[in-house]
Protein backbone atom coordinates (compact mmCIF):
# COMPACT_ATOMS: atom_id res chain seq x y z
CA MET A 1 -67.53 -53.85 -8.77
CA ASP A 2 -70.48 -54.35 -6.57
CA ARG A 3 -71.61 -57.69 -7.27
CA ALA A 4 -74.98 -58.02 -5.39
CA ASP A 5 -75.79 -54.98 -7.87
CA SER A 6 -74.59 -57.54 -10.91
CA GLY A 7 -75.72 -60.14 -13.37
CA LEU A 8 -78.52 -61.53 -15.29
CA TYR A 9 -82.26 -60.56 -15.33
CA ILE A 10 -85.12 -61.54 -16.65
CA LEU A 11 -88.45 -59.24 -17.31
CA TRP A 12 -91.76 -61.17 -16.96
CA MET A 13 -94.25 -59.48 -19.15
CA ARG A 14 -97.73 -59.81 -20.71
CA LEU A 15 -98.70 -58.81 -23.68
CA ALA A 16 -102.60 -58.40 -23.42
CA SER A 17 -103.72 -58.38 -27.57
CA SER A 18 -101.63 -58.99 -30.75
CA LYS A 19 -99.09 -56.37 -31.89
CA ASN A 20 -97.12 -55.11 -34.56
CA VAL A 21 -94.30 -53.59 -33.25
CA THR A 22 -91.01 -52.17 -35.07
CA ILE A 23 -88.00 -53.16 -33.50
CA GLY A 24 -85.42 -50.48 -34.41
CA SER A 25 -83.50 -51.82 -37.55
CA LEU A 26 -84.45 -55.35 -36.62
CA GLY A 27 -87.54 -54.65 -38.42
CA THR A 28 -91.99 -55.43 -37.78
CA PHE A 29 -92.57 -58.27 -36.43
CA SER A 30 -95.82 -59.43 -35.16
CA PHE A 31 -96.35 -60.49 -31.45
CA GLY A 32 -99.46 -62.00 -30.15
CA PRO A 33 -100.74 -61.81 -26.76
CA GLY A 34 -99.21 -64.13 -24.01
CA PHE A 35 -96.19 -63.96 -21.79
CA TYR A 36 -93.69 -63.00 -22.38
CA ALA A 37 -89.28 -63.34 -20.88
CA TYR A 38 -86.79 -61.08 -21.83
CA VAL A 39 -83.25 -61.91 -20.67
CA GLY A 40 -80.53 -59.81 -20.20
CA SER A 41 -77.78 -59.00 -18.30
CA ALA A 42 -75.50 -55.79 -16.40
CA GLN A 43 -72.31 -56.18 -14.80
CA LYS A 44 -73.25 -53.14 -12.93
CA ASN A 45 -76.19 -50.98 -11.87
CA ARG A 46 -78.16 -54.02 -12.59
CA ARG A 47 -81.54 -52.15 -10.43
CA ALA A 48 -80.78 -48.63 -12.05
CA ARG A 49 -81.07 -51.03 -15.52
CA ILE A 50 -84.82 -52.37 -14.45
CA GLU A 51 -86.11 -49.53 -13.36
CA ARG A 52 -85.12 -47.92 -16.84
CA HIS A 53 -86.98 -51.37 -18.32
CA LEU A 54 -90.05 -50.14 -16.15
CA ARG A 55 -90.17 -47.04 -17.84
CA ARG A 56 -92.45 -46.92 -20.66
CA GLU A 57 -91.07 -43.40 -22.21
CA LYS A 58 -87.69 -43.16 -22.70
CA PRO A 59 -84.84 -42.83 -25.26
CA LEU A 60 -84.90 -45.69 -27.68
CA ARG A 61 -81.43 -47.46 -27.43
CA TRP A 62 -81.65 -51.81 -26.99
CA HIS A 63 -84.77 -53.61 -28.27
CA ILE A 64 -86.56 -53.98 -25.20
CA ASP A 65 -87.33 -50.37 -25.36
CA TYR A 66 -88.97 -50.85 -28.27
CA PHE A 67 -91.55 -53.64 -27.08
CA ARG A 68 -91.69 -52.18 -24.02
CA PRO A 69 -94.47 -49.92 -24.36
CA HIS A 70 -96.84 -52.50 -24.90
CA ALA A 71 -96.11 -54.92 -22.55
CA ASP A 72 -96.88 -55.10 -18.69
CA ILE A 73 -94.04 -56.44 -16.68
CA VAL A 74 -95.26 -58.62 -14.24
CA ALA A 75 -91.85 -59.44 -12.27
CA VAL A 76 -88.52 -59.25 -13.00
CA SER A 77 -86.21 -62.18 -11.74
CA CYS A 78 -82.36 -61.57 -10.81
CA VAL A 79 -80.10 -64.72 -11.54
CA PRO A 80 -76.35 -64.99 -10.75
CA GLY A 81 -74.09 -64.81 -13.51
CA ARG A 82 -72.06 -63.09 -16.05
CA ARG A 83 -72.59 -61.69 -19.71
CA GLU A 84 -71.25 -64.69 -20.88
CA ASP A 85 -74.13 -66.97 -19.39
CA GLU A 86 -76.93 -64.64 -20.29
CA CYS A 87 -77.10 -66.99 -23.91
CA ARG A 88 -76.61 -70.16 -21.60
CA LEU A 89 -79.77 -69.17 -19.75
CA VAL A 90 -82.38 -68.17 -22.86
CA ALA A 91 -80.99 -71.74 -24.02
CA ARG A 92 -82.16 -73.47 -20.87
CA LEU A 93 -85.33 -71.69 -21.39
CA LYS A 94 -85.77 -72.63 -24.50
CA GLN A 95 -85.03 -76.44 -23.62
CA ALA A 96 -88.40 -76.29 -20.75
CA GLY A 97 -90.14 -75.24 -24.02
CA ALA A 98 -89.94 -71.23 -24.65
CA SER A 99 -89.83 -70.31 -28.35
CA VAL A 100 -88.08 -67.25 -29.44
CA ALA A 101 -90.27 -64.46 -30.14
CA ALA A 102 -88.29 -62.43 -32.63
CA ALA A 103 -85.08 -63.49 -34.78
CA ARG A 104 -82.07 -61.77 -32.99
CA PHE A 105 -84.21 -59.48 -30.47
CA GLY A 106 -81.30 -58.42 -27.44
CA ALA A 107 -78.49 -61.01 -29.60
CA SER A 108 -76.94 -58.30 -31.61
CA ASP A 109 -73.76 -59.06 -29.63
CA CYS A 110 -74.07 -62.54 -29.27
CA ARG A 111 -74.75 -65.95 -31.90
CA CYS A 112 -78.06 -66.45 -30.04
CA GLU A 113 -81.41 -67.16 -31.90
CA GLY A 114 -82.74 -63.95 -30.17
CA HIS A 115 -83.06 -63.25 -26.13
CA LEU A 116 -87.12 -62.12 -26.32
CA LEU A 117 -88.91 -65.60 -25.93
CA LEU A 118 -92.34 -66.29 -26.12
CA VAL A 119 -93.71 -68.59 -22.92
CA PRO A 120 -96.41 -71.09 -22.68
CA ALA A 121 -99.23 -69.41 -20.26
CA ARG A 122 -100.01 -73.40 -19.48
CA SER A 123 -95.82 -74.06 -18.45
CA LEU A 124 -95.13 -70.66 -16.68
CA HIS A 125 -95.01 -71.76 -13.10
CA SER A 126 -92.40 -74.70 -14.34
CA PHE A 127 -90.43 -71.66 -15.87
CA THR A 128 -90.17 -69.83 -13.60
CA SER A 129 -89.52 -72.16 -9.80
CA GLY A 130 -86.61 -73.19 -11.58
CA ILE A 131 -84.94 -69.54 -11.63
CA GLY A 132 -86.61 -67.99 -8.52
CA TRP A 133 -89.46 -66.45 -9.76
CA PRO A 134 -91.75 -66.05 -7.55
CA SER A 135 -89.62 -67.17 -4.37
CA GLY A 136 -85.96 -65.32 -6.05
CA THR A 137 -87.91 -62.58 -7.17
CA CYS A 138 -85.71 -59.82 -7.28
CA PHE A 139 -88.07 -57.01 -7.76
CA LYS A 140 -91.88 -56.86 -8.16
CA ALA A 141 -92.78 -54.63 -11.09
CA MET A 142 -95.11 -52.72 -8.34
CA GLU A 143 -91.97 -52.15 -6.16
CA LEU A 144 -90.22 -50.46 -8.68
CA MET A 145 -92.77 -48.12 -9.91
CA GLN A 146 -93.19 -46.68 -6.71
């Protein structure tokens, strides 16, 4: 396994206006404008997974695929860790003041409340500084779009 291309990631997204979005079988959720963080993991081919998330049009496979067309990805943070660390990273962001944006979103294979978080804009810097953004950003959105 290529450890350099595996681990956790956070998609930092901005939703410009309120949207009602149907997230597969989870149902329809109302999302307000603001910044969102989606925590995911890829134990191989992390870069390919992130590049897929950047595309707006694709087959709908994961919960994030339903939300993604409505939000702009502003950065992606790569964080060392295994799949089981994904929930701990979500908990860390929640302790810092983020809140679950949609119940069970991205958490169909764990016991978390959800892996899509609403991040208060006023404290965005405190969230990102502790996990490596911007200094440890693995990919800036514009780099991946090229």
